[in-house]
C-alpha atoms as a PDB file:
ATOM      1  CA  MET A   1     -30.453  10.646  45.265  1.00  0.00           C
ATOM      2  CA  PHE A   2     -34.086  11.519  44.537  1.00  0.00           C
ATOM      3  CA  LEU A   3     -37.000   9.099  44.301  1.00  0.00           C
ATOM      4  CA  VAL A   4     -39.739   9.987  41.827  1.00  0.00           C
ATOM      5  CA  ASN A   5     -43.023   8.121  42.254  1.00  0.00           C
ATOM      6  CA  GLY A   6     -44.834   7.226  39.073  1.00  0.00           C
ATOM      7  CA  SER A   7     -44.726   4.978  36.031  1.00  0.00           C
ATOM      8  CA  PRO A   8     -41.761   5.230  33.615  1.00  0.00           C
ATOM      9  CA  LEU A   9     -44.213   4.399  30.861  1.00  0.00           C
ATOM     10  CA  LYS A  10     -45.819   7.839  31.243  1.00  0.00           C
ATOM     11  CA  GLN A  11     -44.164  10.907  29.723  1.00  0.00           C
ATOM     12  CA  GLN A  12     -45.374  13.020  32.633  1.00  0.00           C
ATOM     13  CA  THR A  13     -43.313  10.932  35.053  1.00  0.00           C
ATOM     14  CA  LEU A  14     -40.265  11.007  32.782  1.00  0.00           C
ATOM     15  CA  HIS A  15     -40.424  14.800  32.500  1.00  0.00           C
ATOM     16  CA  LYS A  16     -40.836  15.031  36.264  1.00  0.00           C
ATOM     17  CA  ALA A  17     -37.589  13.064  36.602  1.00  0.00           C
ATOM     18  CA  ASN A  18     -35.915  15.466  34.105  1.00  0.00           C
ATOM     19  CA  ILE A  19     -35.209  12.584  31.745  1.00  0.00           C
ATOM     20  CA  ASN A  20     -34.616  15.044  28.909  1.00  0.00           C
ATOM     21  CA  TYR A  21     -31.471  16.219  30.740  1.00  0.00           C
ATOM     22  CA  ALA A  22     -30.241  12.727  31.609  1.00  0.00           C
ATOM     23  CA  ASP A  23     -26.934  11.444  30.268  1.00  0.00           C
ATOM     24  CA  LYS A  24     -27.383   7.809  31.339  1.00  0.00           C
ATOM     25  CA  VAL A  25     -30.412   5.641  32.180  1.00  0.00           C
ATOM     26  CA  VAL A  26     -30.474   2.141  33.708  1.00  0.00           C
ATOM     27  CA  ILE A  27     -33.541  -0.079  33.205  1.00  0.00           C
ATOM     28  CA  LEU A  28     -33.649  -3.083  35.535  1.00  0.00           C
ATOM     29  CA  GLY A  29     -35.295  -6.195  34.153  1.00  0.00           C
ATOM     30  CA  HIS A  30     -37.952  -8.531  35.489  1.00  0.00           C
ATOM     31  CA  ASP A  31     -36.879 -11.044  38.125  1.00  0.00           C
ATOM     32  CA  SER A  32     -37.554 -14.353  36.387  1.00  0.00           C
ATOM     33  CA  THR A  33     -37.362 -16.230  39.713  1.00  0.00           C
ATOM     34  CA  LEU A  34     -40.529 -14.567  40.977  1.00  0.00           C
ATOM     35  CA  ASN A  35     -43.968 -15.969  40.318  1.00  0.00           C
ATOM     36  CA  SER A  36     -45.515 -14.301  37.323  1.00  0.00           C
ATOM     37  CA  ALA A  37     -48.879 -14.445  35.615  1.00  0.00           C
ATOM     38  CA  ILE A  38     -47.124 -14.154  32.229  1.00  0.00           C
ATOM     39  CA  SER A  39     -47.473 -17.503  30.439  1.00  0.00           C
ATOM     40  CA  ASP A  40     -45.081 -16.679  27.589  1.00  0.00           C
ATOM     41  CA  HIS A  41     -41.705 -16.297  29.301  1.00  0.00           C
ATOM     42  CA  GLU A  42     -40.260 -14.194  26.489  1.00  0.00           C
ATOM     43  CA  MET A  43     -42.860 -11.557  27.390  1.00  0.00           C
ATOM     44  CA  LEU A  44     -41.014 -10.984  30.672  1.00  0.00           C
ATOM     45  CA  ASP A  45     -38.990  -8.306  28.894  1.00  0.00           C
ATOM     46  CA  ALA A  46     -42.044  -6.487  27.530  1.00  0.00           C
ATOM     47  CA  GLU A  47     -42.120  -3.803  30.237  1.00  0.00           C
ATOM     48  CA  SER A  48     -38.376  -3.116  29.920  1.00  0.00           C
ATOM     49  CA  ILE A  49     -38.765  -2.742  26.149  1.00  0.00           C
ATOM     50  CA  TYR A  50     -41.714  -0.343  26.550  1.00  0.00           C
ATOM     51  CA  ILE A  51     -39.756   1.739  29.079  1.00  0.00           C
ATOM     52  CA  TYR A  52     -36.785   1.847  26.695  1.00  0.00           C
ATOM     53  CA  GLN A  53     -38.949   3.128  23.862  1.00  0.00           C
ATOM     54  CA  ALA A  54     -40.674   5.666  26.140  1.00  0.00           C
ATOM     55  CA  VAL A  55     -37.339   7.086  27.328  1.00  0.00           C
ATOM     56  CA  LYS A  56     -35.968   7.266  23.780  1.00  0.00           C
ATOM     57  CA  LYS A  57     -39.083   9.129  22.687  1.00  0.00           C
ATOM     58  CA  VAL A  58     -38.380  11.874  25.237  1.00  0.00           C
ATOM     59  CA  ASN A  59     -34.579  11.880  24.985  1.00  0.00           C
ATOM     60  CA  LYS A  60     -33.208  10.249  21.847  1.00  0.00           C
ATOM     61  CA  ASP A  61     -29.574  11.008  22.761  1.00  0.00           C
ATOM     62  CA  VAL A  62     -29.523   9.395  26.206  1.00  0.00           C
ATOM     63  CA  GLN A  63     -27.431   6.249  26.689  1.00  0.00           C
ATOM     64  CA  ILE A  64     -29.543   3.450  28.164  1.00  0.00           C
ATOM     65  CA  LEU A  65     -28.386   0.252  29.851  1.00  0.00           C
ATOM     66  CA  THR A  66     -31.220  -2.269  29.664  1.00  0.00           C
ATOM     67  CA  GLU A  67     -31.360  -5.579  31.499  1.00  0.00           C
ATOM     68  CA  LEU A  68     -33.118  -8.329  29.559  1.00  0.00           C
ATOM     69  CA  VAL A  69     -33.998 -11.870  30.560  1.00  0.00           C
ATOM     70  CA  TYR A  70     -33.986 -13.226  26.988  1.00  0.00           C
ATOM     71  CA  SER A  71     -31.315 -12.191  24.493  1.00  0.00           C
ATOM     72  CA  SER A  72     -33.706 -12.754  21.587  1.00  0.00           C
ATOM     73  CA  ASN A  73     -35.629  -9.629  22.659  1.00  0.00           C
ATOM     74  CA  ILE A  74     -32.737  -7.289  21.769  1.00  0.00           C
ATOM     75  CA  GLU A  75     -34.223  -6.895  18.300  1.00  0.00           C
ATOM     76  CA  PHE A  76     -37.229  -5.039  19.764  1.00  0.00           C
ATOM     77  CA  LEU A  77     -35.013  -2.240  21.113  1.00  0.00           C
ATOM     78  CA  LEU A  78     -33.853  -1.091  17.677  1.00  0.00           C
ATOM     79  CA  PRO A  79     -36.102   0.275  14.918  1.00  0.00           C
ATOM     80  CA  ILE A  80     -33.980  -1.496  12.302  1.00  0.00           C
ATOM     81  CA  TYR A  81     -32.388  -4.720  13.448  1.00  0.00           C
ATOM     82  CA  PRO A  82     -30.336  -6.893  11.044  1.00  0.00           C
ATOM     83  CA  PRO A  83     -31.021 -10.627  11.420  1.00  0.00           C
ATOM     84  CA  ASN A  84     -28.449 -12.112  13.799  1.00  0.00           C
ATOM     85  CA  ASN A  85     -28.886 -15.161  15.978  1.00  0.00           C
ATOM     86  CA  ASP A  86     -25.827 -14.350  18.105  1.00  0.00           C
ATOM     87  CA  TYR A  87     -26.660 -11.520  20.520  1.00  0.00           C
ATOM     88  CA  HIS A  88     -22.937 -11.017  21.203  1.00  0.00           C
ATOM     89  CA  LEU A  89     -22.689  -9.477  17.723  1.00  0.00           C
ATOM     90  CA  SER A  90     -25.699  -7.189  18.084  1.00  0.00           C
ATOM     91  CA  THR A  91     -25.214  -3.421  17.986  1.00  0.00           C
ATOM     92  CA  LEU A  92     -26.595  -2.652  21.450  1.00  0.00           C
ATOM     93  CA  TYR A  93     -24.684  -5.477  23.128  1.00  0.00           C
ATOM     94  CA  ALA A  94     -21.426  -4.314  21.540  1.00  0.00           C
ATOM     95  CA  ALA A  95     -22.237  -0.794  22.734  1.00  0.00           C
ATOM     96  CA  GLY A  96     -22.638  -2.020  26.313  1.00  0.00           C
ATOM     97  CA  GLU A  97     -26.291  -0.963  26.390  1.00  0.00           C
ATOM     98  CA  VAL A  98     -27.788  -4.422  26.961  1.00  0.00           C
ATOM     99  CA  TYR A  99     -27.148  -6.728  29.885  1.00  0.00           C
ATOM    100  CA  ILE A 100     -28.476 -10.282  29.796  1.00  0.00           C
ATOM    101  CA  SER A 101     -29.330 -11.381  33.330  1.00  0.00           C
ATOM    102  CA  ALA A 102     -28.009 -14.910  32.711  1.00  0.00           C
ATOM    103  CA  ILE A 103     -24.470 -13.585  32.156  1.00  0.00           C
ATOM    104  CA  ILE A 104     -23.650 -13.544  35.858  1.00  0.00           C
ATOM    105  CA  ASP A 105     -24.721 -17.210  36.106  1.00  0.00           C
ATOM    106  CA  THR A 106     -22.495 -18.067  33.143  1.00  0.00           C
ATOM    107  CA  LEU A 107     -19.503 -16.288  34.666  1.00  0.00           C
ATOM    108  CA  THR A 108     -20.034 -17.998  38.008  1.00  0.00           C
ATOM    109  CA  CYS A 109     -20.091 -21.446  36.391  1.00  0.00           C
ATOM    110  CA  GLN A 110     -17.107 -20.729  34.142  1.00  0.00           C
ATOM    111  CA  SER A 111     -15.050 -19.431  37.075  1.00  0.00           C
ATOM    112  CA  TYR A 112     -15.118 -22.978  38.493  1.00  0.00           C
ATOM    113  CA  PHE A 113     -13.208 -24.233  35.445  1.00  0.00           C
ATOM    114  CA  ASN A 114     -11.166 -21.053  34.926  1.00  0.00           C
ATOM    115  CA  PRO A 115     -10.524 -19.195  38.204  1.00  0.00           C
ATOM    116  CA  HIS A 116      -8.622 -16.465  36.329  1.00  0.00           C
ATOM    117  CA  ILE A 117     -11.998 -15.068  35.210  1.00  0.00           C
ATOM    118  CA  VAL A 118     -12.502 -13.653  38.703  1.00  0.00           C
ATOM    119  CA  THR A 119      -9.068 -11.995  38.550  1.00  0.00           C
ATOM    120  CA  ILE A 120      -9.835 -10.433  35.167  1.00  0.00           C
ATOM    121  CA  LEU A 121     -13.189  -9.109  36.385  1.00  0.00           C
ATOM    122  CA  GLN A 122     -11.555  -7.678  39.491  1.00  0.00           C
ATOM    123  CA  GLN A 123      -8.943  -5.948  37.344  1.00  0.00           C
ATOM    124  CA  ILE A 124     -11.548  -4.434  35.053  1.00  0.00           C
ATOM    125  CA  LEU A 125     -14.018  -3.368  37.735  1.00  0.00           C
ATOM    126  CA  LYS A 126     -11.795  -2.029  40.504  1.00  0.00           C
ATOM    127  CA  GLY A 127      -8.176  -2.795  39.714  1.00  0.00           C
ATOM    128  CA  ALA A 128      -5.998  -5.363  41.402  1.00  0.00           C
ATOM    129  CA  SER A 129      -5.068  -4.941  45.038  1.00  0.00           C
ATOM    130  CA  GLU A 130      -2.217  -6.737  46.756  1.00  0.00           C
ATOM    131  CA  GLU A 131      -4.153  -6.624  50.018  1.00  0.00           C
ATOM    132  CA  ASP A 132      -7.057  -8.593  48.524  1.00  0.00           C
ATOM    133  CA  ASP A 133      -5.051 -11.034  46.398  1.00  0.00           C
ATOM    134  CA  GLU A 134      -2.608 -13.244  48.297  1.00  0.00           C
ATOM    135  CA  GLN A 135      -1.220 -14.761  45.098  1.00  0.00           C
ATOM    136  CA  LEU A 136      -0.546 -11.321  43.656  1.00  0.00           C
ATOM    137  CA  ARG A 137       1.102 -10.215  46.880  1.00  0.00           C
ATOM    138  CA  ASP A 138       3.461 -13.205  46.835  1.00  0.00           C
ATOM    139  CA  MET A 139       4.325 -12.605  43.191  1.00  0.00           C
ATOM    140  CA  MET A 140       5.123  -8.938  43.785  1.00  0.00           C
ATOM    141  CA  ARG A 141       7.363  -9.878  46.701  1.00  0.00           C
ATOM    142  CA  ALA A 142       9.233 -12.342  44.506  1.00  0.00           C
ATOM    143  CA  HIS A 143       9.767  -9.652  41.859  1.00  0.00           C
ATOM    144  CA  PRO A 144      10.447  -6.356  43.666  1.00  0.00           C
ATOM    145  CA  ASP A 145      11.381  -4.741  40.346  1.00  0.00           C
ATOM    146  CA  LEU A 146       7.769  -5.023  39.148  1.00  0.00           C
ATOM    147  CA  THR A 147       5.084  -2.412  39.853  1.00  0.00           C
ATOM    148  CA  GLN A 148       1.369  -3.166  39.833  1.00  0.00           C
ATOM    149  CA  SER A 149      -0.573  -1.339  37.098  1.00  0.00           C
ATOM    150  CA  ASN A 150      -4.306  -0.944  36.558  1.00  0.00           C
ATOM    151  CA  LEU A 151      -6.624  -0.562  33.614  1.00  0.00           C
ATOM    152  CA  TRP A 152      -7.834   3.023  33.078  1.00  0.00           C
ATOM    153  CA  GLN A 153     -10.072   4.825  30.631  1.00  0.00           C
ATOM    154  CA  ILE A 154      -8.918   8.350  29.778  1.00  0.00           C
ATOM    155  CA  PRO A 155      -9.764  10.977  27.162  1.00  0.00           C
ATOM    156  CA  VAL A 156      -7.238  11.143  24.342  1.00  0.00           C
ATOM    157  CA  PRO A 157      -4.760  14.035  24.719  1.00  0.00           C
ATOM    158  CA  GLY A 158      -5.707  17.030  22.625  1.00  0.00           C
ATOM    159  CA  ILE A 159      -2.409  16.887  20.743  1.00  0.00           C
ATOM    160  CA  CYS A 160      -3.394  13.439  19.417  1.00  0.00           C
ATOM    161  CA  VAL A 161      -6.761  14.482  17.969  1.00  0.00           C
ATOM    162  CA  GLY A 162      -6.525  14.362  14.192  1.00  0.00           C
ATOM    163  CA  GLN A 163      -3.460  12.117  14.354  1.00  0.00           C
ATOM    164  CA  ASP A 164      -3.348   8.316  14.032  1.00  0.00           C
ATOM    165  CA  PHE A 165      -3.306   5.567  16.652  1.00  0.00           C
ATOM    166  CA  GLU A 166       0.462   5.083  16.341  1.00  0.00           C
ATOM    167  CA  PHE A 167       0.993   8.731  17.344  1.00  0.00           C
ATOM    168  CA  LEU A 168      -1.413   8.283  20.278  1.00  0.00           C
ATOM    169  CA  PHE A 169       0.374   5.116  21.399  1.00  0.00           C
ATOM    170  CA  GLN A 170       3.808   6.748  21.313  1.00  0.00           C
ATOM    171  CA  THR A 171       2.519   9.873  23.086  1.00  0.00           C
ATOM    172  CA  LEU A 172       0.984   7.893  25.943  1.00  0.00           C
ATOM    173  CA  LEU A 173       4.047   5.643  26.134  1.00  0.00           C
ATOM    174  CA  LYS A 174       6.086   8.735  27.067  1.00  0.00           C
ATOM    175  CA  GLU A 175       3.710   9.119  30.018  1.00  0.00           C
ATOM    176  CA  LYS A 176       4.374   5.463  30.993  1.00  0.00           C
ATOM    177  CA  LEU A 177       0.940   4.373  29.761  1.00  0.00           C
ATOM    178  CA  ILE A 178       0.264   1.494  27.361  1.00  0.00           C
ATOM    179  CA  CYS A 179      -2.780   2.067  25.140  1.00  0.00           C
ATOM    180  CA  MET A 180      -4.630  -1.184  24.494  1.00  0.00           C
ATOM    181  CA  ALA A 181      -7.932  -0.100  22.940  1.00  0.00           C
ATOM    182  CA  LEU A 182     -10.179   2.801  21.995  1.00  0.00           C
ATOM    183  CA  TYR A 183     -13.665   3.499  23.321  1.00  0.00           C
ATOM    184  CA  ARG A 184     -15.411   5.300  20.461  1.00  0.00           C
ATOM    185  CA  LEU A 185     -18.321   7.391  21.661  1.00  0.00           C
ATOM    186  CA  ARG A 186     -21.345   8.069  19.496  1.00  0.00           C
ATOM    187  CA  GLY A 187     -20.309  10.360  16.680  1.00  0.00           C
ATOM    188  CA  ALA A 188     -16.596   9.527  16.839  1.00  0.00           C
ATOM    189  CA  THR A 189     -16.853   8.429  13.205  1.00  0.00           C
ATOM    190  CA  ASP A 190     -20.169   7.503  11.591  1.00  0.00           C
ATOM    191  CA  ASN A 191     -21.291   5.324  14.516  1.00  0.00           C
ATOM    192  CA  ASP A 192     -24.661   5.873  16.182  1.00  0.00           C
ATOM    193  CA  TYR A 193     -23.662   3.823  19.234  1.00  0.00           C
ATOM    194  CA  PRO A 194     -20.436   3.648  21.260  1.00  0.00           C
ATOM    195  CA  TYR A 195     -18.192   0.611  20.975  1.00  0.00           C
ATOM    196  CA  VAL A 196     -14.766  -0.689  22.045  1.00  0.00           C
ATOM    197  CA  TYR A 197     -12.106  -1.011  19.355  1.00  0.00           C
ATOM    198  CA  THR A 198      -9.378  -3.380  20.604  1.00  0.00           C
ATOM    199  CA  ASN A 199      -5.889  -3.424  19.090  1.00  0.00           C
ATOM    200  CA  PRO A 200      -6.583  -0.680  16.485  1.00  0.00           C
ATOM    201  CA  GLU A 201      -4.592  -0.471  13.268  1.00  0.00           C
ATOM    202  CA  LYS A 202      -1.704   1.979  13.572  1.00  0.00           C
ATOM    203  CA  ASP A 203      -3.188   4.320  10.936  1.00  0.00           C
ATOM    204  CA  THR A 204      -6.604   4.524  12.671  1.00  0.00           C
ATOM    205  CA  PRO A 205      -7.599   8.236  12.843  1.00  0.00           C
ATOM    206  CA  ILE A 206      -8.086   9.593  16.368  1.00  0.00           C
ATOM    207  CA  ARG A 207     -11.166  11.754  16.960  1.00  0.00           C
ATOM    208  CA  HIS A 208     -12.050  14.040  19.848  1.00  0.00           C
ATOM    209  CA  ARG A 209     -14.827  11.645  20.893  1.00  0.00           C
ATOM    210  CA  ASP A 210     -12.410   8.762  21.365  1.00  0.00           C
ATOM    211  CA  ARG A 211     -11.361   7.495  24.776  1.00  0.00           C
ATOM    212  CA  ALA A 212      -8.291   5.344  25.410  1.00  0.00           C
ATOM    213  CA  PHE A 213      -8.027   2.203  27.535  1.00  0.00           C
ATOM    214  CA  VAL A 214      -4.545   2.229  29.036  1.00  0.00           C
ATOM    215  CA  LEU A 215      -2.469   0.193  31.460  1.00  0.00           C
ATOM    216  CA  GLY A 216      -0.530   2.304  33.907  1.00  0.00           C
ATOM    217  CA  ILE A 217       0.412   2.891  37.513  1.00  0.00           C
ATOM    218  CA  GLU A 218      -1.221   6.316  37.718  1.00  0.00           C
ATOM    219  CA  ILE A 219      -2.741   8.865  35.364  1.00  0.00           C
ATOM    220  CA  PRO A 220      -1.128  12.320  35.097  1.00  0.00           C
ATOM    221  CA  GLU A 221      -3.466  15.125  36.160  1.00  0.00           C
ATOM    222  CA  ASP A 222      -3.473  16.765  32.725  1.00  0.00           C
ATOM    223  CA  LEU A 223      -4.854  13.541  31.213  1.00  0.00           C
ATOM    224  CA  GLN A 224      -7.738  13.139  33.674  1.00  0.00           C
ATOM    225  CA  GLY A 225     -10.055  15.935  32.555  1.00  0.00           C
ATOM    226  CA  ASP A 226     -12.149  15.718  29.412  1.00  0.00           C
ATOM    227  CA  LEU A 227     -11.695  19.132  27.821  1.00  0.00           C
ATOM    228  CA  TYR A 228     -13.474  18.256  24.568  1.00  0.00           C
ATOM    229  CA  GLU A 229     -16.563  17.047  26.447  1.00  0.00           C
ATOM    230  CA  MET A 230     -16.778  20.419  28.180  1.00  0.00           C
ATOM    231  CA  GLN A 231     -16.356  22.166  24.828  1.00  0.00           C
ATOM    232  CA  GLU A 232     -19.141  20.073  23.306  1.00  0.00           C
ATOM    233  CA  ARG A 233     -21.474  21.143  26.093  1.00  0.00           C
ATOM    234  CA  GLU A 234     -20.647  24.773  25.278  1.00  0.00           C
ATOM    235  CA  LYS A 235     -21.077  24.012  21.558  1.00  0.00           C
ATOM    236  CA  ASP A 236     -17.438  24.918  20.822  1.00  0.00           C
ATOM    237  CA  VAL A 237     -16.773  21.529  19.223  1.00  0.00           C
ATOM    238  CA  GLN A 238     -19.318  19.900  16.913  1.00  0.00           C
ATOM    239  CA  LEU A 239     -20.392  16.339  17.787  1.00  0.00           C
ATOM    240  CA  GLY A 240     -18.432  13.903  15.659  1.00  0.00           C
ATOM    241  CA  HIS A 241     -16.652  16.657  13.707  1.00  0.00           C
ATOM    242  CA  PRO A 242     -13.769  14.933  11.852  1.00  0.00           C
ATOM    243  CA  ASP A 243     -11.582  18.057  11.672  1.00  0.00           C
ATOM    244  CA  ALA A 244     -11.471  18.867  15.381  1.00  0.00           C
ATOM    245  CA  SER A 245      -7.796  19.300  16.194  1.00  0.00           C
ATOM    246  CA  ASN A 246      -5.455  20.126  19.011  1.00  0.00           C
ATOM    247  CA  GLN A 247      -5.499  23.800  18.011  1.00  0.00           C
ATOM    248  CA  VAL A 248      -8.877  24.324  19.668  1.00  0.00           C
ATOM    249  CA  VAL A 249      -8.681  26.807  22.533  1.00  0.00           C
ATOM    250  CA  SER A 250     -10.885  26.058  25.500  1.00  0.00           C
ATOM    251  CA  SER A 251     -13.367  28.763  26.380  1.00  0.00           C
ATOM    252  CA  ILE A 252     -13.453  27.193  29.838  1.00  0.00           C
ATOM    253  CA  THR A 253      -9.771  27.138  30.742  1.00  0.00           C
ATOM    254  CA  GLY A 254      -8.277  29.489  28.182  1.00  0.00           C
ATOM    255  CA  LYS A 255      -5.408  27.028  27.753  1.00  0.00           C
ATOM    256  CA  HIS A 256      -4.188  25.161  24.697  1.00  0.00           C
ATOM    257  CA  ALA A 257      -6.117  21.915  24.332  1.00  0.00           C
ATOM    258  CA  GLY A 258      -3.173  19.900  23.167  1.00  0.00           C
ATOM    259  CA  LYS A 259      -0.673  20.852  25.875  1.00  0.00           C
ATOM    260  CA  LEU A 260       0.936  17.909  27.608  1.00  0.00           C
ATOM    261  CA  ARG A 261       2.695  17.874  30.924  1.00  0.00           C
ATOM    262  CA  SER A 262       6.444  18.444  30.540  1.00  0.00           C
ATOM    263  CA  ASN A 263       8.720  16.378  32.728  1.00  0.00           C
END
């Protein structure tokens, strides 16, 4: 980890931090609990918004996670923002690029009425562990035929690129994985921002910039690497190209992109 002294509002500092080569950026928001000379509370997000715009000016392709105090300020992060009073439906929030600081307070309060929220968050963030969850441990002991699975995000197998979701589902099912959703990166279709597509229609086309959310015990080694991402970096596969298929040969590995592990 390297610490760069300077202001993120200055391009000189951003270039010094090699922001033009960054893949991800996190902008932490203002702590609303601290004393502030700002009279208008909605202006607490002003600095975060300015930093966001400064980073985008240097690197327009970088993915930024921005923490905001007020959800109403999301509209200032996009050049064109359709009127929408519900921030849950906004483009950046759906893309996972905006975090409202009050969310953690909401989850904490709701967990009092619904304790399963904590279990769901644990499953998503780190996977369930019998050692940490006494209730889960007792349940697994009562049903020795069951095996604990976790939620994973994996790149779609090369053989599935250009096929539909039903083909992807059946292919992963052979690997003892249940596909529940797609994570569509920027350029997967005509989208400018990534988003999660839950329970896709069976005829949904699969692109090389799709990722799959799966439930499984473990992920086979040949499904862990992201071959198409490496090809994109070497300009072998065009960003968002709809005709990218499993016949692409990797210039990195020299192996067929769509080859699956044979059992």
